[in-house]
Amino acid sequence: MSRNARRLYVRAYRRWAEADMMFLLLVRDARSLVPEVHEGMVFRTGQAGSRVRRAYEARLRAIEALQAARAAYLSATRRDRRVLLYLPAS
């Protein structure tokens, strides 16, 4: 397993966790301000340019980066598992 791939994967996971936590906190704060509107998707994502929308989009970018890092990590893991077999000389 490549150390760089593992480090990239862990870093992407941490960024996603941070972005997800920020989004959830902003939604909770917004829900406390306007409790009766919290069911619609427009409320969850916010209006264009709002803090909730920016946090939602940052979370989406972090998820995409995490998926790309996971793919790189898994391909590096598969590369490390390749075994070369040499046939005996005739």
PDB file of N, CA and C in Angstrom:
ATOM      1  N   MET A   1       0.849  -1.174   0.000  1.00  0.00           N
ATOM      2  CA  MET A   1       0.000   0.000   0.000  1.00  0.00           C
ATOM      3  C   MET A   1       0.897   1.240   0.000  1.00  0.00           C
ATOM      4  N   SER A   2       0.572   2.146  -0.830  1.00  0.00           N
ATOM      5  CA  SER A   2       1.345   3.366  -0.965  1.00  0.00           C
ATOM      6  C   SER A   2       1.063   4.308   0.210  1.00  0.00           C
ATOM      7  N   ARG A   3       2.114   4.819   0.792  1.00  0.00           N
ATOM      8  CA  ARG A   3       1.936   5.776   1.898  1.00  0.00           C
ATOM      9  C   ARG A   3       1.258   7.049   1.416  1.00  0.00           C
ATOM     10  N   ASN A   4       1.631   7.474   0.211  1.00  0.00           N
ATOM     11  CA  ASN A   4       1.023   8.698  -0.319  1.00  0.00           C
ATOM     12  C   ASN A   4      -0.470   8.528  -0.542  1.00  0.00           C
ATOM     13  N   ALA A   5      -0.867   7.371  -1.068  1.00  0.00           N
ATOM     14  CA  ALA A   5      -2.296   7.123  -1.298  1.00  0.00           C
ATOM     15  C   ALA A   5      -3.042   7.081   0.028  1.00  0.00           C
ATOM     16  N   ARG A   6      -2.450   6.461   1.019  1.00  0.00           N
ATOM     17  CA  ARG A   6      -3.094   6.389   2.337  1.00  0.00           C
ATOM     18  C   ARG A   6      -3.210   7.777   2.958  1.00  0.00           C
ATOM     19  N   ARG A   7      -2.142   8.545   2.862  1.00  0.00           N
ATOM     20  CA  ARG A   7      -2.142   9.900   3.417  1.00  0.00           C
ATOM     21  C   ARG A   7      -3.185  10.777   2.710  1.00  0.00           C
ATOM     22  N   LEU A   8      -3.273  10.645   1.388  1.00  0.00           N
ATOM     23  CA  LEU A   8      -4.269  11.387   0.624  1.00  0.00           C
ATOM     24  C   LEU A   8      -5.678  11.002   1.051  1.00  0.00           C
ATOM     25  N   TYR A   9      -5.906   9.715   1.244  1.00  0.00           N
ATOM     26  CA  TYR A   9      -7.223   9.220   1.647  1.00  0.00           C
ATOM     27  C   TYR A   9      -7.607   9.744   3.029  1.00  0.00           C
ATOM     28  N   VAL A  10      -6.684   9.698   3.960  1.00  0.00           N
ATOM     29  CA  VAL A  10      -6.954  10.176   5.323  1.00  0.00           C
ATOM     30  C   VAL A  10      -7.204  11.685   5.318  1.00  0.00           C
ATOM     31  N   ARG A  11      -6.412  12.421   4.561  1.00  0.00           N
ATOM     32  CA  ARG A  11      -6.594  13.874   4.487  1.00  0.00           C
ATOM     33  C   ARG A  11      -7.950  14.221   3.869  1.00  0.00           C
ATOM     34  N   ALA A  12      -8.334  13.514   2.821  1.00  0.00           N
ATOM     35  CA  ALA A  12      -9.640  13.760   2.188  1.00  0.00           C
ATOM     36  C   ALA A  12     -10.774  13.414   3.145  1.00  0.00           C
ATOM     37  N   TYR A  13     -10.603  12.343   3.915  1.00  0.00           N
ATOM     38  CA  TYR A  13     -11.639  11.970   4.883  1.00  0.00           C
ATOM     39  C   TYR A  13     -11.796  13.048   5.954  1.00  0.00           C
ATOM     40  N   ARG A  14     -10.679  13.568   6.428  1.00  0.00           N
ATOM     41  CA  ARG A  14     -10.746  14.620   7.454  1.00  0.00           C
ATOM     42  C   ARG A  14     -11.414  15.879   6.918  1.00  0.00           C
ATOM     43  N   ARG A  15     -11.090  16.234   5.674  1.00  0.00           N
ATOM     44  CA  ARG A  15     -11.726  17.409   5.076  1.00  0.00           C
ATOM     45  C   ARG A  15     -13.222  17.195   4.921  1.00  0.00           C
ATOM     46  N   TRP A  16     -13.615  15.988   4.509  1.00  0.00           N
ATOM     47  CA  TRP A  16     -15.044  15.699   4.381  1.00  0.00           C
ATOM     48  C   TRP A  16     -15.730  15.776   5.744  1.00  0.00           C
ATOM     49  N   ALA A  17     -15.112  15.191   6.764  1.00  0.00           N
ATOM     50  CA  ALA A  17     -15.718  15.203   8.099  1.00  0.00           C
ATOM     51  C   ALA A  17     -15.884  16.636   8.602  1.00  0.00           C
ATOM     52  N   GLU A  18     -14.893  17.471   8.348  1.00  0.00           N
ATOM     53  CA  GLU A  18     -14.975  18.870   8.769  1.00  0.00           C
ATOM     54  C   GLU A  18     -16.079  19.609   8.003  1.00  0.00           C
ATOM     55  N   ALA A  19     -16.149  19.403   6.690  1.00  0.00           N
ATOM     56  CA  ALA A  19     -17.176  20.065   5.877  1.00  0.00           C
ATOM     57  C   ALA A  19     -18.567  19.574   6.257  1.00  0.00           C
ATOM     58  N   ASP A  20     -18.696  18.288   6.536  1.00  0.00           N
ATOM     59  CA  ASP A  20     -19.990  17.730   6.923  1.00  0.00           C
ATOM     60  C   ASP A  20     -20.440  18.298   8.268  1.00  0.00           C
ATOM     61  N   MET A  21     -19.523  18.394   9.209  1.00  0.00           N
ATOM     62  CA  MET A  21     -19.863  18.941  10.521  1.00  0.00           C
ATOM     63  C   MET A  21     -20.281  20.409  10.407  1.00  0.00           C
ATOM     64  N   MET A  22     -19.564  21.172   9.581  1.00  0.00           N
ATOM     65  CA  MET A  22     -19.906  22.583   9.397  1.00  0.00           C
ATOM     66  C   MET A  22     -21.299  22.719   8.788  1.00  0.00           C
ATOM     67  N   PHE A  23     -21.607  21.899   7.793  1.00  0.00           N
ATOM     68  CA  PHE A  23     -22.928  21.950   7.166  1.00  0.00           C
ATOM     69  C   PHE A  23     -24.019  21.607   8.170  1.00  0.00           C
ATOM     70  N   LEU A  24     -23.814  20.552   8.940  1.00  0.00           N
ATOM     71  CA  LEU A  24     -24.829  20.147   9.913  1.00  0.00           C
ATOM     72  C   LEU A  24     -25.040  21.204  10.995  1.00  0.00           C
ATOM     73  N   LEU A  25     -23.964  21.849  11.421  1.00  0.00           N
ATOM     74  CA  LEU A  25     -24.095  22.919  12.420  1.00  0.00           C
ATOM     75  C   LEU A  25     -24.856  24.120  11.858  1.00  0.00           C
ATOM     76  N   LEU A  26     -24.552  24.485  10.609  1.00  0.00           N
ATOM     77  CA  LEU A  26     -25.259  25.612  10.006  1.00  0.00           C
ATOM     78  C   LEU A  26     -26.739  25.304   9.802  1.00  0.00           C
ATOM     79  N   VAL A  27     -27.054  24.077   9.408  1.00  0.00           N
ATOM     80  CA  VAL A  27     -28.460  23.699   9.247  1.00  0.00           C
ATOM     81  C   VAL A  27     -29.165  23.727  10.597  1.00  0.00           C
ATOM     82  N   ARG A  28     -28.492  23.252  11.631  1.00  0.00           N
ATOM     83  CA  ARG A  28     -29.097  23.284  12.966  1.00  0.00           C
ATOM     84  C   ARG A  28     -29.355  24.719  13.418  1.00  0.00           C
ATOM     85  N   ASP A  29     -28.375  25.599  13.183  1.00  0.00           N
ATOM     86  CA  ASP A  29     -28.555  27.006  13.552  1.00  0.00           C
ATOM     87  C   ASP A  29     -29.692  27.645  12.764  1.00  0.00           C
ATOM     88  N   ALA A  30     -29.758  27.344  11.474  1.00  0.00           N
ATOM     89  CA  ALA A  30     -30.832  27.901  10.647  1.00  0.00           C
ATOM     90  C   ALA A  30     -32.179  27.349  11.082  1.00  0.00           C
ATOM     91  N   ARG A  31     -32.213  26.079  11.451  1.00  0.00           N
ATOM     92  CA  ARG A  31     -33.463  25.459  11.905  1.00  0.00           C
ATOM     93  C   ARG A  31     -33.944  26.107  13.201  1.00  0.00           C
ATOM     94  N   SER A  32     -33.022  26.526  14.054  1.00  0.00           N
ATOM     95  CA  SER A  32     -33.437  27.172  15.303  1.00  0.00           C
ATOM     96  C   SER A  32     -34.015  28.565  15.044  1.00  0.00           C
ATOM     97  N   LEU A  33     -33.562  29.215  13.956  1.00  0.00           N
ATOM     98  CA  LEU A  33     -34.107  30.534  13.621  1.00  0.00           C
ATOM     99  C   LEU A  33     -35.491  30.442  12.988  1.00  0.00           C
ATOM    100  N   VAL A  34     -35.675  29.422  12.126  1.00  0.00           N
ATOM    101  CA  VAL A  34     -36.942  29.270  11.406  1.00  0.00           C
ATOM    102  C   VAL A  34     -37.390  27.819  11.558  1.00  0.00           C
ATOM    103  N   PRO A  35     -37.954  27.449  12.699  1.00  0.00           N
ATOM    104  CA  PRO A  35     -38.254  26.034  12.956  1.00  0.00           C
ATOM    105  C   PRO A  35     -39.347  25.441  12.077  1.00  0.00           C
ATOM    106  N   GLU A  36     -40.277  26.240  11.589  1.00  0.00           N
ATOM    107  CA  GLU A  36     -41.397  25.665  10.843  1.00  0.00           C
ATOM    108  C   GLU A  36     -41.076  25.402   9.371  1.00  0.00           C
ATOM    109  N   VAL A  37     -39.916  25.812   8.875  1.00  0.00           N
ATOM    110  CA  VAL A  37     -39.599  25.684   7.455  1.00  0.00           C
ATOM    111  C   VAL A  37     -38.554  24.602   7.200  1.00  0.00           C
ATOM    112  N   HIS A  38     -38.168  23.849   8.189  1.00  0.00           N
ATOM    113  CA  HIS A  38     -37.013  22.960   8.054  1.00  0.00           C
ATOM    114  C   HIS A  38     -37.238  21.732   7.193  1.00  0.00           C
ATOM    115  N   GLU A  39     -38.412  21.496   6.655  1.00  0.00           N
ATOM    116  CA  GLU A  39     -38.662  20.276   5.891  1.00  0.00           C
ATOM    117  C   GLU A  39     -38.265  20.366   4.425  1.00  0.00           C
ATOM    118  N   GLY A  40     -38.284  21.535   3.815  1.00  0.00           N
ATOM    119  CA  GLY A  40     -38.027  21.650   2.383  1.00  0.00           C
ATOM    120  C   GLY A  40     -36.549  21.574   2.034  1.00  0.00           C
ATOM    121  N   MET A  41     -36.247  21.067   0.839  1.00  0.00           N
ATOM    122  CA  MET A  41     -34.857  20.965   0.387  1.00  0.00           C
ATOM    123  C   MET A  41     -34.252  22.347   0.168  1.00  0.00           C
ATOM    124  N   VAL A  42     -35.072  23.324  -0.217  1.00  0.00           N
ATOM    125  CA  VAL A  42     -34.561  24.678  -0.415  1.00  0.00           C
ATOM    126  C   VAL A  42     -33.983  25.203   0.885  1.00  0.00           C
ATOM    127  N   PHE A  43     -34.650  24.911   1.987  1.00  0.00           N
ATOM    128  CA  PHE A  43     -34.138  25.361   3.276  1.00  0.00           C
ATOM    129  C   PHE A  43     -32.817  24.665   3.600  1.00  0.00           C
ATOM    130  N   ARG A  44     -32.746  23.374   3.324  1.00  0.00           N
ATOM    131  CA  ARG A  44     -31.535  22.626   3.669  1.00  0.00           C
ATOM    132  C   ARG A  44     -30.327  23.114   2.890  1.00  0.00           C
ATOM    133  N   THR A  45     -30.519  23.433   1.614  1.00  0.00           N
ATOM    134  CA  THR A  45     -29.377  23.883   0.823  1.00  0.00           C
ATOM    135  C   THR A  45     -29.192  25.381   0.877  1.00  0.00           C
ATOM    136  N   GLY A  46     -30.217  26.122   1.221  1.00  0.00           N
ATOM    137  CA  GLY A  46     -30.098  27.567   1.326  1.00  0.00           C
ATOM    138  C   GLY A  46     -30.221  28.258  -0.022  1.00  0.00           C
ATOM    139  N   GLN A  47     -30.342  29.558   0.021  1.00  0.00           N
ATOM    140  CA  GLN A  47     -30.405  30.354  -1.201  1.00  0.00           C
ATOM    141  C   GLN A  47     -29.002  30.489  -1.786  1.00  0.00           C
ATOM    142  N   ALA A  48     -28.933  30.839  -3.051  1.00  0.00           N
ATOM    143  CA  ALA A  48     -27.634  31.003  -3.714  1.00  0.00           C
ATOM    144  C   ALA A  48     -26.808  32.058  -2.979  1.00  0.00           C
ATOM    145  N   GLY A  49     -25.584  31.716  -2.632  1.00  0.00           N
ATOM    146  CA  GLY A  49     -24.687  32.639  -1.950  1.00  0.00           C
ATOM    147  C   GLY A  49     -24.805  32.650  -0.436  1.00  0.00           C
ATOM    148  N   SER A  50     -25.747  31.907   0.129  1.00  0.00           N
ATOM    149  CA  SER A  50     -25.895  31.898   1.585  1.00  0.00           C
ATOM    150  C   SER A  50     -24.822  31.020   2.228  1.00  0.00           C
ATOM    151  N   ARG A  51     -24.643  31.181   3.527  1.00  0.00           N
ATOM    152  CA  ARG A  51     -23.652  30.372   4.239  1.00  0.00           C
ATOM    153  C   ARG A  51     -24.004  28.900   4.194  1.00  0.00           C
ATOM    154  N   VAL A  52     -25.294  28.583   4.278  1.00  0.00           N
ATOM    155  CA  VAL A  52     -25.718  27.183   4.236  1.00  0.00           C
ATOM    156  C   VAL A  52     -25.416  26.599   2.862  1.00  0.00           C
ATOM    157  N   ARG A  53     -25.692  27.346   1.796  1.00  0.00           N
ATOM    158  CA  ARG A  53     -25.420  26.860   0.439  1.00  0.00           C
ATOM    159  C   ARG A  53     -23.922  26.673   0.229  1.00  0.00           C
ATOM    160  N   ARG A  54     -23.116  27.624   0.685  1.00  0.00           N
ATOM    161  CA  ARG A  54     -21.661  27.491   0.533  1.00  0.00           C
ATOM    162  C   ARG A  54     -21.150  26.275   1.289  1.00  0.00           C
ATOM    163  N   ALA A  55     -21.679  26.044   2.485  1.00  0.00           N
ATOM    164  CA  ALA A  55     -21.269  24.871   3.260  1.00  0.00           C
ATOM    165  C   ALA A  55     -21.717  23.586   2.567  1.00  0.00           C
ATOM    166  N   TYR A  56     -22.911  23.598   1.985  1.00  0.00           N
ATOM    167  CA  TYR A  56     -23.426  22.430   1.258  1.00  0.00           C
ATOM    168  C   TYR A  56     -22.539  22.117   0.053  1.00  0.00           C
ATOM    169  N   GLU A  57     -22.156  23.150  -0.697  1.00  0.00           N
ATOM    170  CA  GLU A  57     -21.308  22.949  -1.866  1.00  0.00           C
ATOM    171  C   GLU A  57     -19.900  22.518  -1.469  1.00  0.00           C
ATOM    172  N   ALA A  58     -19.373  23.057  -0.370  1.00  0.00           N
ATOM    173  CA  ALA A  58     -18.061  22.621   0.118  1.00  0.00           C
ATOM    174  C   ALA A  58     -18.114  21.156   0.533  1.00  0.00           C
ATOM    175  N   ARG A  59     -19.225  20.759   1.130  1.00  0.00           N
ATOM    176  CA  ARG A  59     -19.418  19.358   1.518  1.00  0.00           C
ATOM    177  C   ARG A  59     -19.469  18.461   0.286  1.00  0.00           C
ATOM    178  N   LEU A  60     -20.154  18.898  -0.767  1.00  0.00           N
ATOM    179  CA  LEU A  60     -20.197  18.118  -2.007  1.00  0.00           C
ATOM    180  C   LEU A  60     -18.810  17.970  -2.623  1.00  0.00           C
ATOM    181  N   ARG A  61     -18.042  19.059  -2.649  1.00  0.00           N
ATOM    182  CA  ARG A  61     -16.679  18.981  -3.190  1.00  0.00           C
ATOM    183  C   ARG A  61     -15.818  18.043  -2.356  1.00  0.00           C
ATOM    184  N   ALA A  62     -15.992  18.076  -1.047  1.00  0.00           N
ATOM    185  CA  ALA A  62     -15.222  17.191  -0.170  1.00  0.00           C
ATOM    186  C   ALA A  62     -15.602  15.732  -0.398  1.00  0.00           C
ATOM    187  N   ILE A  63     -16.882  15.459  -0.646  1.00  0.00           N
ATOM    188  CA  ILE A  63     -17.312  14.088  -0.932  1.00  0.00           C
ATOM    189  C   ILE A  63     -16.699  13.610  -2.241  1.00  0.00           C
ATOM    190  N   GLU A  64     -16.687  14.466  -3.265  1.00  0.00           N
ATOM    191  CA  GLU A  64     -16.086  14.095  -4.545  1.00  0.00           C
ATOM    192  C   GLU A  64     -14.591  13.831  -4.390  1.00  0.00           C
ATOM    193  N   ALA A  65     -13.906  14.676  -3.623  1.00  0.00           N
ATOM    194  CA  ALA A  65     -12.478  14.471  -3.387  1.00  0.00           C
ATOM    195  C   ALA A  65     -12.236  13.187  -2.607  1.00  0.00           C
ATOM    196  N   LEU A  66     -13.110  12.884  -1.656  1.00  0.00           N
ATOM    197  CA  LEU A  66     -12.983  11.648  -0.883  1.00  0.00           C
ATOM    198  C   LEU A  66     -13.162  10.431  -1.779  1.00  0.00           C
ATOM    199  N   GLN A  67     -14.118  10.475  -2.693  1.00  0.00           N
ATOM    200  CA  GLN A  67     -14.326   9.355  -3.607  1.00  0.00           C
ATOM    201  C   GLN A  67     -13.123   9.163  -4.525  1.00  0.00           C
ATOM    202  N   ALA A  68     -12.547  10.256  -5.015  1.00  0.00           N
ATOM    203  CA  ALA A  68     -11.359  10.158  -5.863  1.00  0.00           C
ATOM    204  C   ALA A  68     -10.171   9.615  -5.072  1.00  0.00           C
ATOM    205  N   ALA A  69     -10.011  10.066  -3.834  1.00  0.00           N
ATOM    206  CA  ALA A  69      -8.914   9.579  -2.995  1.00  0.00           C
ATOM    207  C   ALA A  69      -9.096   8.106  -2.665  1.00  0.00           C
ATOM    208  N   ARG A  70     -10.329   7.689  -2.450  1.00  0.00           N
ATOM    209  CA  ARG A  70     -10.606   6.276  -2.172  1.00  0.00           C
ATOM    210  C   ARG A  70     -10.257   5.409  -3.374  1.00  0.00           C
ATOM    211  N   ALA A  71     -10.602   5.886  -4.560  1.00  0.00           N
ATOM    212  CA  ALA A  71     -10.265   5.141  -5.777  1.00  0.00           C
ATOM    213  C   ALA A  71      -8.750   5.026  -5.935  1.00  0.00           C
ATOM    214  N   ALA A  72      -8.028   6.117  -5.666  1.00  0.00           N
ATOM    215  CA  ALA A  72      -6.567   6.081  -5.754  1.00  0.00           C
ATOM    216  C   ALA A  72      -5.987   5.136  -4.710  1.00  0.00           C
ATOM    217  N   TYR A  73      -6.537   5.170  -3.512  1.00  0.00           N
ATOM    218  CA  TYR A  73      -6.070   4.293  -2.433  1.00  0.00           C
ATOM    219  C   TYR A  73      -6.302   2.825  -2.781  1.00  0.00           C
ATOM    220  N   LEU A  74      -7.495   2.511  -3.283  1.00  0.00           N
ATOM    221  CA  LEU A  74      -7.796   1.119  -3.620  1.00  0.00           C
ATOM    222  C   LEU A  74      -6.962   0.629  -4.794  1.00  0.00           C
ATOM    223  N   SER A  75      -6.709   1.490  -5.776  1.00  0.00           N
ATOM    224  CA  SER A  75      -5.873   1.054  -6.898  1.00  0.00           C
ATOM    225  C   SER A  75      -4.431   0.858  -6.447  1.00  0.00           C
ATOM    226  N   ALA A  76      -3.955   1.692  -5.517  1.00  0.00           N
ATOM    227  CA  ALA A  76      -2.601   1.507  -4.984  1.00  0.00           C
ATOM    228  C   ALA A  76      -2.523   0.218  -4.178  1.00  0.00           C
ATOM    229  N   THR A  77      -3.574  -0.101  -3.455  1.00  0.00           N
ATOM    230  CA  THR A  77      -3.608  -1.345  -2.680  1.00  0.00           C
ATOM    231  C   THR A  77      -3.593  -2.545  -3.609  1.00  0.00           C
ATOM    232  N   ARG A  78      -4.349  -2.468  -4.694  1.00  0.00           N
ATOM    233  CA  ARG A  78      -4.367  -3.577  -5.654  1.00  0.00           C
ATOM    234  C   ARG A  78      -3.014  -3.737  -6.324  1.00  0.00           C
ATOM    235  N   ARG A  79      -2.345  -2.627  -6.626  1.00  0.00           N
ATOM    236  CA  ARG A  79      -1.020  -2.718  -7.255  1.00  0.00           C
ATOM    237  C   ARG A  79      -0.035  -3.415  -6.333  1.00  0.00           C
ATOM    238  N   ASP A  80      -0.128  -3.172  -5.046  1.00  0.00           N
ATOM    239  CA  ASP A  80       0.799  -3.785  -4.099  1.00  0.00           C
ATOM    240  C   ASP A  80       0.577  -5.281  -3.961  1.00  0.00           C
ATOM    241  N   ARG A  81      -0.580  -5.772  -4.341  1.00  0.00           N
ATOM    242  CA  ARG A  81      -0.884  -7.191  -4.195  1.00  0.00           C
ATOM    243  C   ARG A  81      -0.431  -8.024  -5.386  1.00  0.00           C
ATOM    244  N   ARG A  82       0.069  -7.413  -6.411  1.00  0.00           N
ATOM    245  CA  ARG A  82       0.507  -8.166  -7.580  1.00  0.00           C
ATOM    246  C   ARG A  82       1.742  -8.983  -7.238  1.00  0.00           C
ATOM    247  N   VAL A  83       1.728 -10.203  -7.680  1.00  0.00           N
ATOM    248  CA  VAL A  83       2.837 -11.110  -7.413  1.00  0.00           C
ATOM    249  C   VAL A  83       3.384 -11.585  -8.748  1.00  0.00           C
ATOM    250  N   LEU A  84       4.686 -11.520  -8.894  1.00  0.00           N
ATOM    251  CA  LEU A  84       5.320 -12.022 -10.104  1.00  0.00           C
ATOM    252  C   LEU A  84       5.819 -13.430  -9.840  1.00  0.00           C
ATOM    253  N   LEU A  85       5.428 -14.323 -10.688  1.00  0.00           N
ATOM    254  CA  LEU A  85       5.872 -15.710 -10.576  1.00  0.00           C
ATOM    255  C   LEU A  85       6.834 -15.999 -11.712  1.00  0.00           C
ATOM    256  N   TYR A  86       7.970 -16.521 -11.365  1.00  0.00           N
ATOM    257  CA  TYR A  86       8.956 -16.893 -12.373  1.00  0.00           C
ATOM    258  C   TYR A  86       8.926 -18.398 -12.542  1.00  0.00           C
ATOM    259  N   LEU A  87       8.808 -18.819 -13.787  1.00  0.00           N
ATOM    260  CA  LEU A  87       8.820 -20.249 -14.078  1.00  0.00           C
ATOM    261  C   LEU A  87      10.261 -20.733 -14.073  1.00  0.00           C
ATOM    262  N   PRO A  88      10.470 -21.959 -13.643  1.00  0.00           N
ATOM    263  CA  PRO A  88      11.840 -22.486 -13.658  1.00  0.00           C
ATOM    264  C   PRO A  88      12.346 -22.599 -15.096  1.00  0.00           C
ATOM    265  N   ALA A  89      13.612 -22.357 -15.247  1.00  0.00           N
ATOM    266  CA  ALA A  89      14.224 -22.429 -16.581  1.00  0.00           C
ATOM    267  C   ALA A  89      14.229 -23.870 -17.065  1.00  0.00           C
ATOM    268  N   SER A  90      13.978 -24.080 -18.351  1.00  0.00           N
ATOM    269  CA  SER A  90      13.943 -25.440 -18.897  1.00  0.00           C
ATOM    270  C   SER A  90      15.315 -25.944 -19.204  1.00  0.00           C
TER     271      SER A  90
END
